[in-house]
């Protein structure tokens, strides 16, 4: 059984799940969620959100997981929202750097 989140994501992808499902499912248990529920929740983000081929499903799932890891916060908690958005921006930039090298 794969031990790292990246290994788990690859295993899900090789089993036929889309990029969003594979990425999010790799973190499901860590976030206290059932894998099957996560696979269902993010299924529509595959192939660039519903097959539109724009934002990669893996990127959408990264934002989903970052939100889960941050947890709920009050609507007026601007600092937590800013930290979450900044984290997502950094992850997207790292993703784009890797994608450009390939």
PDB file of N, CA and C in Angstrom:
ATOM      1  N   UNK A   1       0.844  -1.187   0.000  1.00  0.00           N
ATOM      2  CA  UNK A   1       0.000   0.000   0.000  1.00  0.00           C
ATOM      3  C   UNK A   1       0.888   1.248   0.000  1.00  0.00           C
ATOM      4  N   UNK A   2       0.622   2.201  -0.924  1.00  0.00           N
ATOM      5  CA  UNK A   2       1.422   3.424  -0.975  1.00  0.00           C
ATOM      6  C   UNK A   2       1.322   4.203   0.337  1.00  0.00           C
ATOM      7  N   UNK A   3       2.426   4.803   0.732  1.00  0.00           N
ATOM      8  CA  UNK A   3       2.442   5.485   2.018  1.00  0.00           C
ATOM      9  C   UNK A   3       2.363   7.002   1.916  1.00  0.00           C
ATOM     10  N   UNK A   4       2.929   7.591   0.896  1.00  0.00           N
ATOM     11  CA  UNK A   4       2.887   9.050   0.783  1.00  0.00           C
ATOM     12  C   UNK A   4       1.620   9.472   0.034  1.00  0.00           C
ATOM     13  N   UNK A   5       1.228  10.718   0.232  1.00  0.00           N
ATOM     14  CA  UNK A   5       0.039  11.213  -0.461  1.00  0.00           C
ATOM     15  C   UNK A   5       0.236  11.193  -1.974  1.00  0.00           C
ATOM     16  N   UNK A   6       1.436  11.502  -2.435  1.00  0.00           N
ATOM     17  CA  UNK A   6       1.674  11.477  -3.886  1.00  0.00           C
ATOM     18  C   UNK A   6       1.606  10.057  -4.428  1.00  0.00           C
ATOM     19  N   UNK A   7       2.117   9.094  -3.678  1.00  0.00           N
ATOM     20  CA  UNK A   7       2.021   7.697  -4.119  1.00  0.00           C
ATOM     21  C   UNK A   7       0.569   7.231  -4.150  1.00  0.00           C
ATOM     22  N   UNK A   8      -0.205   7.638  -3.147  1.00  0.00           N
ATOM     23  CA  UNK A   8      -1.626   7.269  -3.123  1.00  0.00           C
ATOM     24  C   UNK A   8      -2.356   7.901  -4.297  1.00  0.00           C
ATOM     25  N   UNK A   9      -2.056   9.163  -4.588  1.00  0.00           N
ATOM     26  CA  UNK A   9      -2.703   9.841  -5.710  1.00  0.00           C
ATOM     27  C   UNK A   9      -2.400   9.138  -7.026  1.00  0.00           C
ATOM     28  N   UNK A  10      -1.155   8.766  -7.224  1.00  0.00           N
ATOM     29  CA  UNK A  10      -0.778   8.049  -8.449  1.00  0.00           C
ATOM     30  C   UNK A  10      -1.528   6.726  -8.536  1.00  0.00           C
ATOM     31  N   UNK A  11      -1.625   6.027  -7.423  1.00  0.00           N
ATOM     32  CA  UNK A  11      -2.324   4.734  -7.415  1.00  0.00           C
ATOM     33  C   UNK A  11      -3.801   4.902  -7.776  1.00  0.00           C
ATOM     34  N   UNK A  12      -4.454   5.917  -7.229  1.00  0.00           N
ATOM     35  CA  UNK A  12      -5.856   6.180  -7.587  1.00  0.00           C
ATOM     36  C   UNK A  12      -5.970   6.487  -9.079  1.00  0.00           C
ATOM     37  N   UNK A  13      -5.061   7.315  -9.580  1.00  0.00           N
ATOM     38  CA  UNK A  13      -5.099   7.694 -10.998  1.00  0.00           C
ATOM     39  C   UNK A  13      -4.903   6.473 -11.893  1.00  0.00           C
ATOM     40  N   UNK A  14      -3.942   5.636 -11.545  1.00  0.00           N
ATOM     41  CA  UNK A  14      -3.695   4.428 -12.337  1.00  0.00           C
ATOM     42  C   UNK A  14      -4.859   3.437 -12.259  1.00  0.00           C
ATOM     43  N   UNK A  15      -5.693   3.600 -11.233  1.00  0.00           N
ATOM     44  CA  UNK A  15      -6.877   2.746 -11.095  1.00  0.00           C
ATOM     45  C   UNK A  15      -8.056   3.277 -11.897  1.00  0.00           C
ATOM     46  N   UNK A  16      -7.900   4.467 -12.518  1.00  0.00           N
ATOM     47  CA  UNK A  16      -8.941   4.992 -13.385  1.00  0.00           C
ATOM     48  C   UNK A  16      -9.661   6.235 -12.905  1.00  0.00           C
ATOM     49  N   UNK A  17      -9.321   6.717 -11.715  1.00  0.00           N
ATOM     50  CA  UNK A  17      -9.958   7.935 -11.228  1.00  0.00           C
ATOM     51  C   UNK A  17      -9.348   9.152 -11.909  1.00  0.00           C
ATOM     52  N   UNK A  18     -10.141  10.238 -12.004  1.00  0.00           N
ATOM     53  CA  UNK A  18      -9.608  11.431 -12.653  1.00  0.00           C
ATOM     54  C   UNK A  18      -8.610  12.145 -11.730  1.00  0.00           C
ATOM     55  N   UNK A  19      -7.974  13.181 -12.251  1.00  0.00           N
ATOM     56  CA  UNK A  19      -6.931  13.892 -11.491  1.00  0.00           C
ATOM     57  C   UNK A  19      -7.455  14.479 -10.189  1.00  0.00           C
ATOM     58  N   UNK A  20      -8.645  15.054 -10.235  1.00  0.00           N
ATOM     59  CA  UNK A  20      -9.219  15.645  -9.025  1.00  0.00           C
ATOM     60  C   UNK A  20      -9.513  14.572  -7.988  1.00  0.00           C
ATOM     61  N   UNK A  21     -10.141  13.502  -8.423  1.00  0.00           N
ATOM     62  CA  UNK A  21     -10.454  12.417  -7.496  1.00  0.00           C
ATOM     63  C   UNK A  21      -9.185  11.831  -6.899  1.00  0.00           C
ATOM     64  N   UNK A  22      -8.203  11.611  -7.727  1.00  0.00           N
ATOM     65  CA  UNK A  22      -6.954  11.000  -7.271  1.00  0.00           C
ATOM     66  C   UNK A  22      -6.242  11.872  -6.243  1.00  0.00           C
ATOM     67  N   UNK A  23      -6.200  13.160  -6.515  1.00  0.00           N
ATOM     68  CA  UNK A  23      -5.527  14.089  -5.610  1.00  0.00           C
ATOM     69  C   UNK A  23      -6.277  14.202  -4.283  1.00  0.00           C
ATOM     70  N   UNK A  24      -7.575  14.419  -4.353  1.00  0.00           N
ATOM     71  CA  UNK A  24      -8.365  14.606  -3.133  1.00  0.00           C
ATOM     72  C   UNK A  24      -8.455  13.322  -2.312  1.00  0.00           C
ATOM     73  N   UNK A  25      -8.643  12.188  -2.969  1.00  0.00           N
ATOM     74  CA  UNK A  25      -8.777  10.915  -2.248  1.00  0.00           C
ATOM     75  C   UNK A  25      -7.510  10.574  -1.480  1.00  0.00           C
ATOM     76  N   UNK A  26      -6.371  11.007  -1.992  1.00  0.00           N
ATOM     77  CA  UNK A  26      -5.104  10.731  -1.318  1.00  0.00           C
ATOM     78  C   UNK A  26      -5.031  11.385   0.058  1.00  0.00           C
ATOM     79  N   UNK A  27      -5.873  12.396   0.293  1.00  0.00           N
ATOM     80  CA  UNK A  27      -5.886  13.113   1.575  1.00  0.00           C
ATOM     81  C   UNK A  27      -7.154  12.860   2.378  1.00  0.00           C
ATOM     82  N   UNK A  28      -8.058  12.048   1.879  1.00  0.00           N
ATOM     83  CA  UNK A  28      -9.365  11.860   2.513  1.00  0.00           C
ATOM     84  C   UNK A  28      -9.254  11.444   3.975  1.00  0.00           C
ATOM     85  N   UNK A  29      -8.560  10.366   4.222  1.00  0.00           N
ATOM     86  CA  UNK A  29      -8.473   9.849   5.587  1.00  0.00           C
ATOM     87  C   UNK A  29      -7.786  10.844   6.512  1.00  0.00           C
ATOM     88  N   UNK A  30      -6.741  11.500   6.018  1.00  0.00           N
ATOM     89  CA  UNK A  30      -6.031  12.515   6.804  1.00  0.00           C
ATOM     90  C   UNK A  30      -6.973  13.640   7.231  1.00  0.00           C
ATOM     91  N   UNK A  31      -7.955  13.925   6.387  1.00  0.00           N
ATOM     92  CA  UNK A  31      -8.913  14.998   6.670  1.00  0.00           C
ATOM     93  C   UNK A  31     -10.166  14.486   7.375  1.00  0.00           C
ATOM     94  N   UNK A  32     -10.177  13.205   7.739  1.00  0.00           N
ATOM     95  CA  UNK A  32     -11.299  12.644   8.473  1.00  0.00           C
ATOM     96  C   UNK A  32     -12.521  12.333   7.631  1.00  0.00           C
ATOM     97  N   UNK A  33     -12.310  12.112   6.333  1.00  0.00           N
ATOM     98  CA  UNK A  33     -13.421  11.834   5.430  1.00  0.00           C
ATOM     99  C   UNK A  33     -13.311  10.428   4.841  1.00  0.00           C
ATOM    100  N   UNK A  34     -14.444   9.892   4.450  1.00  0.00           N
ATOM    101  CA  UNK A  34     -14.483   8.600   3.770  1.00  0.00           C
ATOM    102  C   UNK A  34     -14.018   8.790   2.330  1.00  0.00           C
ATOM    103  N   UNK A  35     -13.168   7.905   1.862  1.00  0.00           N
ATOM    104  CA  UNK A  35     -12.637   7.999   0.506  1.00  0.00           C
ATOM    105  C   UNK A  35     -13.770   8.027  -0.515  1.00  0.00           C
ATOM    106  N   UNK A  36     -14.760   7.140  -0.371  1.00  0.00           N
ATOM    107  CA  UNK A  36     -15.855   7.092  -1.338  1.00  0.00           C
ATOM    108  C   UNK A  36     -16.613   8.417  -1.412  1.00  0.00           C
ATOM    109  N   UNK A  37     -16.796   9.065  -0.274  1.00  0.00           N
ATOM    110  CA  UNK A  37     -17.481  10.361  -0.258  1.00  0.00           C
ATOM    111  C   UNK A  37     -16.666  11.406  -1.012  1.00  0.00           C
ATOM    112  N   UNK A  38     -15.362  11.425  -0.794  1.00  0.00           N
ATOM    113  CA  UNK A  38     -14.499  12.393  -1.474  1.00  0.00           C
ATOM    114  C   UNK A  38     -14.486  12.128  -2.976  1.00  0.00           C
ATOM    115  N   UNK A  39     -14.411  10.861  -3.360  1.00  0.00           N
ATOM    116  CA  UNK A  39     -14.430  10.531  -4.787  1.00  0.00           C
ATOM    117  C   UNK A  39     -15.697  11.062  -5.448  1.00  0.00           C
ATOM    118  N   UNK A  40     -16.796  11.002  -4.734  1.00  0.00           N
ATOM    119  CA  UNK A  40     -18.066  11.515  -5.258  1.00  0.00           C
ATOM    120  C   UNK A  40     -18.073  13.041  -5.300  1.00  0.00           C
ATOM    121  N   UNK A  41     -17.616  13.667  -4.221  1.00  0.00           N
ATOM    122  CA  UNK A  41     -17.671  15.129  -4.117  1.00  0.00           C
ATOM    123  C   UNK A  41     -16.863  15.843  -5.194  1.00  0.00           C
ATOM    124  N   UNK A  42     -15.741  15.281  -5.588  1.00  0.00           N
ATOM    125  CA  UNK A  42     -14.866  15.991  -6.532  1.00  0.00           C
ATOM    126  C   UNK A  42     -14.911  15.417  -7.939  1.00  0.00           C
ATOM    127  N   UNK A  43     -15.777  14.464  -8.187  1.00  0.00           N
ATOM    128  CA  UNK A  43     -15.826  13.810  -9.503  1.00  0.00           C
ATOM    129  C   UNK A  43     -16.000  14.811 -10.647  1.00  0.00           C
ATOM    130  N   UNK A  44     -16.804  15.832 -10.450  1.00  0.00           N
ATOM    131  CA  UNK A  44     -17.074  16.809 -11.503  1.00  0.00           C
ATOM    132  C   UNK A  44     -15.934  17.763 -11.807  1.00  0.00           C
ATOM    133  N   UNK A  45     -14.888  17.744 -10.987  1.00  0.00           N
ATOM    134  CA  UNK A  45     -13.737  18.614 -11.235  1.00  0.00           C
ATOM    135  C   UNK A  45     -12.746  18.004 -12.221  1.00  0.00           C
ATOM    136  N   UNK A  46     -12.987  16.773 -12.643  1.00  0.00           N
ATOM    137  CA  UNK A  46     -12.055  16.083 -13.530  1.00  0.00           C
ATOM    138  C   UNK A  46     -11.992  16.688 -14.918  1.00  0.00           C
ATOM    139  N   UNK A  47     -10.861  16.444 -15.566  1.00  0.00           N
ATOM    140  CA  UNK A  47     -10.616  16.907 -16.935  1.00  0.00           C
ATOM    141  C   UNK A  47     -10.790  18.416 -17.064  1.00  0.00           C
ATOM    142  N   UNK A  48     -10.307  19.126 -16.066  1.00  0.00           N
ATOM    143  CA  UNK A  48     -10.358  20.584 -16.123  1.00  0.00           C
ATOM    144  C   UNK A  48     -11.732  21.125 -15.817  1.00  0.00           C
ATOM    145  N   UNK A  49     -12.373  20.644 -14.799  1.00  0.00           N
ATOM    146  CA  UNK A  49     -13.728  20.968 -14.356  1.00  0.00           C
ATOM    147  C   UNK A  49     -14.726  20.598 -15.454  1.00  0.00           C
ATOM    148  N   UNK A  50     -15.262  19.417 -15.276  1.00  0.00           N
ATOM    149  CA  UNK A  50     -16.302  18.947 -16.178  1.00  0.00           C
ATOM    150  C   UNK A  50     -15.867  18.751 -17.615  1.00  0.00           C
ATOM    151  N   UNK A  51     -14.603  18.483 -17.831  1.00  0.00           N
ATOM    152  CA  UNK A  51     -14.112  18.229 -19.176  1.00  0.00           C
ATOM    153  C   UNK A  51     -13.833  19.481 -19.990  1.00  0.00           C
ATOM    154  N   UNK A  52     -13.855  20.652 -19.370  1.00  0.00           N
ATOM    155  CA  UNK A  52     -13.602  21.896 -20.100  1.00  0.00           C
ATOM    156  C   UNK A  52     -12.127  22.091 -20.441  1.00  0.00           C
ATOM    157  N   UNK A  53     -11.262  21.305 -19.785  1.00  0.00           N
ATOM    158  CA  UNK A  53      -9.818  21.334 -20.058  1.00  0.00           C
ATOM    159  C   UNK A  53      -9.188  22.692 -19.770  1.00  0.00           C
ATOM    160  N   UNK A  54      -9.668  23.357 -18.716  1.00  0.00           N
ATOM    161  CA  UNK A  54      -9.075  24.632 -18.335  1.00  0.00           C
ATOM    162  C   UNK A  54      -8.221  24.426 -17.091  1.00  0.00           C
ATOM    163  N   UNK A  55      -8.766  24.597 -15.908  1.00  0.00           N
ATOM    164  CA  UNK A  55      -7.993  24.377 -14.685  1.00  0.00           C
ATOM    165  C   UNK A  55      -7.953  22.882 -14.401  1.00  0.00           C
ATOM    166  N   UNK A  56      -6.770  22.331 -14.307  1.00  0.00           N
ATOM    167  CA  UNK A  56      -6.598  20.894 -14.068  1.00  0.00           C
ATOM    168  C   UNK A  56      -7.352  20.468 -12.810  1.00  0.00           C
ATOM    169  N   UNK A  57      -7.958  19.301 -12.869  1.00  0.00           N
ATOM    170  CA  UNK A  57      -8.666  18.756 -11.719  1.00  0.00           C
ATOM    171  C   UNK A  57      -7.777  18.611 -10.500  1.00  0.00           C
ATOM    172  N   UNK A  58      -6.503  18.323 -10.724  1.00  0.00           N
ATOM    173  CA  UNK A  58      -5.574  18.207  -9.588  1.00  0.00           C
ATOM    174  C   UNK A  58      -5.451  19.543  -8.866  1.00  0.00           C
ATOM    175  N   UNK A  59      -5.471  20.635  -9.598  1.00  0.00           N
ATOM    176  CA  UNK A  59      -5.382  21.963  -8.987  1.00  0.00           C
ATOM    177  C   UNK A  59      -6.658  22.266  -8.203  1.00  0.00           C
ATOM    178  N   UNK A  60      -7.800  21.937  -8.785  1.00  0.00           N
ATOM    179  CA  UNK A  60      -9.063  22.131  -8.069  1.00  0.00           C
ATOM    180  C   UNK A  60      -9.070  21.323  -6.776  1.00  0.00           C
ATOM    181  N   UNK A  61      -8.587  20.100  -6.849  1.00  0.00           N
ATOM    182  CA  UNK A  61      -8.543  19.242  -5.659  1.00  0.00           C
ATOM    183  C   UNK A  61      -7.554  19.770  -4.630  1.00  0.00           C
ATOM    184  N   UNK A  62      -6.454  20.375  -5.077  1.00  0.00           N
ATOM    185  CA  UNK A  62      -5.507  20.975  -4.127  1.00  0.00           C
ATOM    186  C   UNK A  62      -6.206  22.058  -3.319  1.00  0.00           C
ATOM    187  N   UNK A  63      -7.019  22.884  -3.979  1.00  0.00           N
ATOM    188  CA  UNK A  63      -7.739  23.943  -3.273  1.00  0.00           C
ATOM    189  C   UNK A  63      -8.763  23.336  -2.318  1.00  0.00           C
ATOM    190  N   UNK A  64      -9.424  22.276  -2.751  1.00  0.00           N
ATOM    191  CA  UNK A  64     -10.396  21.569  -1.907  1.00  0.00           C
ATOM    192  C   UNK A  64      -9.717  21.041  -0.641  1.00  0.00           C
ATOM    193  N   UNK A  65      -8.596  20.374  -0.813  1.00  0.00           N
ATOM    194  CA  UNK A  65      -7.874  19.800   0.329  1.00  0.00           C
ATOM    195  C   UNK A  65      -7.338  20.903   1.237  1.00  0.00           C
ATOM    196  N   UNK A  66      -6.824  21.972   0.658  1.00  0.00           N
ATOM    197  CA  UNK A  66      -6.324  23.086   1.481  1.00  0.00           C
ATOM    198  C   UNK A  66      -7.449  23.656   2.337  1.00  0.00           C
ATOM    199  N   UNK A  67      -8.633  23.751   1.781  1.00  0.00           N
ATOM    200  CA  UNK A  67      -9.782  24.218   2.549  1.00  0.00           C
ATOM    201  C   UNK A  67     -10.131  23.264   3.678  1.00  0.00           C
ATOM    202  N   UNK A  68     -10.094  21.964   3.386  1.00  0.00           N
ATOM    203  CA  UNK A  68     -10.356  20.971   4.427  1.00  0.00           C
ATOM    204  C   UNK A  68      -9.327  21.068   5.543  1.00  0.00           C
ATOM    205  N   UNK A  69      -8.080  21.226   5.174  1.00  0.00           N
ATOM    206  CA  UNK A  69      -7.023  21.294   6.172  1.00  0.00           C
ATOM    207  C   UNK A  69      -7.099  22.584   6.989  1.00  0.00           C
ATOM    208  N   UNK A  70      -7.553  23.654   6.394  1.00  0.00           N
ATOM    209  CA  UNK A  70      -7.708  24.917   7.106  1.00  0.00           C
ATOM    210  C   UNK A  70      -8.887  24.833   8.066  1.00  0.00           C
ATOM    211  N   UNK A  71      -9.948  24.200   7.628  1.00  0.00           N
ATOM    212  CA  UNK A  71     -11.139  24.070   8.463  1.00  0.00           C
ATOM    213  C   UNK A  71     -12.044  25.281   8.349  1.00  0.00           C
ATOM    214  N   UNK A  72     -13.174  25.169   9.009  1.00  0.00           N
ATOM    215  CA  UNK A  72     -14.145  26.258   8.977  1.00  0.00           C
ATOM    216  C   UNK A  72     -13.599  27.488   9.686  1.00  0.00           C
ATOM    217  N   UNK A  73     -13.987  28.630   9.186  1.00  0.00           N
ATOM    218  CA  UNK A  73     -13.635  29.876   9.848  1.00  0.00           C
ATOM    219  C   UNK A  73     -14.797  30.849   9.689  1.00  0.00           C
ATOM    220  N   UNK A  74     -14.871  31.794  10.569  1.00  0.00           N
ATOM    221  CA  UNK A  74     -15.965  32.767  10.550  1.00  0.00           C
ATOM    222  C   UNK A  74     -15.896  33.607   9.274  1.00  0.00           C
ATOM    223  N   UNK A  75     -17.039  33.988   8.742  1.00  0.00           N
ATOM    224  CA  UNK A  75     -17.047  34.789   7.513  1.00  0.00           C
ATOM    225  C   UNK A  75     -16.247  36.087   7.615  1.00  0.00           C
ATOM    226  N   UNK A  76     -16.126  36.628   8.815  1.00  0.00           N
ATOM    227  CA  UNK A  76     -15.375  37.871   8.985  1.00  0.00           C
ATOM    228  C   UNK A  76     -13.910  37.646   9.369  1.00  0.00           C
ATOM    229  N   UNK A  77     -13.462  36.399   9.334  1.00  0.00           N
ATOM    230  CA  UNK A  77     -12.059  36.083   9.655  1.00  0.00           C
ATOM    231  C   UNK A  77     -11.218  36.252   8.387  1.00  0.00           C
ATOM    232  N   UNK A  78     -10.958  37.484   8.067  1.00  0.00           N
ATOM    233  CA  UNK A  78     -10.246  37.835   6.839  1.00  0.00           C
ATOM    234  C   UNK A  78      -8.821  37.283   6.844  1.00  0.00           C
ATOM    235  N   UNK A  79      -8.176  37.242   7.994  1.00  0.00           N
ATOM    236  CA  UNK A  79      -6.787  36.759   8.080  1.00  0.00           C
ATOM    237  C   UNK A  79      -6.694  35.284   7.694  1.00  0.00           C
ATOM    238  N   UNK A  80      -7.591  34.456   8.210  1.00  0.00           N
ATOM    239  CA  UNK A  80      -7.564  33.033   7.862  1.00  0.00           C
ATOM    240  C   UNK A  80      -7.868  32.840   6.379  1.00  0.00           C
ATOM    241  N   UNK A  81      -8.836  33.574   5.874  1.00  0.00           N
ATOM    242  CA  UNK A  81      -9.171  33.492   4.450  1.00  0.00           C
ATOM    243  C   UNK A  81      -7.969  33.880   3.596  1.00  0.00           C
ATOM    244  N   UNK A  82      -7.277  34.952   3.986  1.00  0.00           N
ATOM    245  CA  UNK A  82      -6.097  35.400   3.234  1.00  0.00           C
ATOM    246  C   UNK A  82      -5.000  34.340   3.268  1.00  0.00           C
ATOM    247  N   UNK A  83      -4.764  33.735   4.454  1.00  0.00           N
ATOM    248  CA  UNK A  83      -3.739  32.679   4.549  1.00  0.00           C
ATOM    249  C   UNK A  83      -4.090  31.491   3.647  1.00  0.00           C
ATOM    250  N   UNK A  84      -5.366  31.105   3.637  1.00  0.00           N
ATOM    251  CA  UNK A  84      -5.798  30.000   2.775  1.00  0.00           C
ATOM    252  C   UNK A  84      -5.583  30.354   1.310  1.00  0.00           C
ATOM    253  N   UNK A  85      -6.025  31.506   0.901  1.00  0.00           N
ATOM    254  CA  UNK A  85      -5.868  31.916  -0.500  1.00  0.00           C
ATOM    255  C   UNK A  85      -4.394  32.032  -0.883  1.00  0.00           C
ATOM    256  N   UNK A  86      -3.578  32.568   0.003  1.00  0.00           N
ATOM    257  CA  UNK A  86      -2.136  32.662  -0.279  1.00  0.00           C
ATOM    258  C   UNK A  86      -1.521  31.274  -0.430  1.00  0.00           C
ATOM    259  N   UNK A  87      -1.939  30.346   0.434  1.00  0.00           N
ATOM    260  CA  UNK A  87      -1.433  28.970   0.338  1.00  0.00           C
ATOM    261  C   UNK A  87      -1.815  28.356  -1.003  1.00  0.00           C
ATOM    262  N   UNK A  88      -3.053  28.557  -1.413  1.00  0.00           N
ATOM    263  CA  UNK A  88      -3.505  28.007  -2.694  1.00  0.00           C
ATOM    264  C   UNK A  88      -2.734  28.636  -3.847  1.00  0.00           C
ATOM    265  N   UNK A  89      -2.503  29.937  -3.800  1.00  0.00           N
ATOM    266  CA  UNK A  89      -1.730  30.605  -4.850  1.00  0.00           C
ATOM    267  C   UNK A  89      -0.327  30.012  -4.951  1.00  0.00           C
ATOM    268  N   UNK A  90       0.302  29.751  -3.803  1.00  0.00           N
ATOM    269  CA  UNK A  90       1.643  29.154  -3.806  1.00  0.00           C
ATOM    270  C   UNK A  90       1.613  27.748  -4.409  1.00  0.00           C
ATOM    271  N   UNK A  91       0.598  26.963  -4.060  1.00  0.00           N
ATOM    272  CA  UNK A  91       0.496  25.604  -4.608  1.00  0.00           C
ATOM    273  C   UNK A  91       0.288  25.639  -6.116  1.00  0.00           C
ATOM    274  N   UNK A  92      -0.549  26.554  -6.583  1.00  0.00           N
ATOM    275  CA  UNK A  92      -0.798  26.659  -8.022  1.00  0.00           C
ATOM    276  C   UNK A  92       0.476  27.083  -8.748  1.00  0.00           C
ATOM    277  N   UNK A  93       1.204  28.025  -8.182  1.00  0.00           N
ATOM    278  CA  UNK A  93       2.463  28.447  -8.805  1.00  0.00           C
ATOM    279  C   UNK A  93       3.449  27.289  -8.885  1.00  0.00           C
ATOM    280  N   UNK A  94       3.546  26.491  -7.818  1.00  0.00           N
ATOM    281  CA  UNK A  94       4.435  25.325  -7.833  1.00  0.00           C
ATOM    282  C   UNK A  94       3.966  24.311  -8.877  1.00  0.00           C
ATOM    283  N   UNK A  95       2.685  24.094  -8.971  1.00  0.00           N
ATOM    284  CA  UNK A  95       2.125  23.180  -9.974  1.00  0.00           C
ATOM    285  C   UNK A  95       2.488  23.651 -11.384  1.00  0.00           C
ATOM    286  N   UNK A  96       2.319  24.934 -11.633  1.00  0.00           N
ATOM    287  CA  UNK A  96       2.614  25.476 -12.967  1.00  0.00           C
ATOM    288  C   UNK A  96       4.089  25.344 -13.309  1.00  0.00           C
ATOM    289  N   UNK A  97       4.976  25.549 -12.325  1.00  0.00           N
ATOM    290  CA  UNK A  97       6.406  25.379 -12.567  1.00  0.00           C
ATOM    291  C   UNK A  97       6.734  23.951 -12.982  1.00  0.00           C
ATOM    292  N   UNK A  98       6.159  22.995 -12.289  1.00  0.00           N
ATOM    293  CA  UNK A  98       6.390  21.583 -12.621  1.00  0.00           C
ATOM    294  C   UNK A  98       5.812  21.282 -13.990  1.00  0.00           C
ATOM    295  N   UNK A  99       4.605  21.778 -14.271  1.00  0.00           N
ATOM    296  CA  UNK A  99       3.947  21.513 -15.543  1.00  0.00           C
ATOM    297  C   UNK A  99       4.745  22.091 -16.716  1.00  0.00           C
ATOM    298  N   UNK A 100       5.349  23.263 -16.516  1.00  0.00           N
ATOM    299  CA  UNK A 100       6.128  23.897 -17.567  1.00  0.00           C
ATOM    300  C   UNK A 100       7.388  23.097 -17.890  1.00  0.00           C
ATOM    301  N   UNK A 101       7.927  22.382 -16.922  1.00  0.00           N
ATOM    302  CA  UNK A 101       9.142  21.597 -17.128  1.00  0.00           C
ATOM    303  C   UNK A 101       8.870  20.308 -17.880  1.00  0.00           C
ATOM    304  N   UNK A 102       7.608  19.932 -17.951  1.00  0.00           N
ATOM    305  CA  UNK A 102       7.269  18.647 -18.591  1.00  0.00           C
ATOM    306  C   UNK A 102       6.916  18.803 -20.031  1.00  0.00           C
TER     307      UNK A 102
END
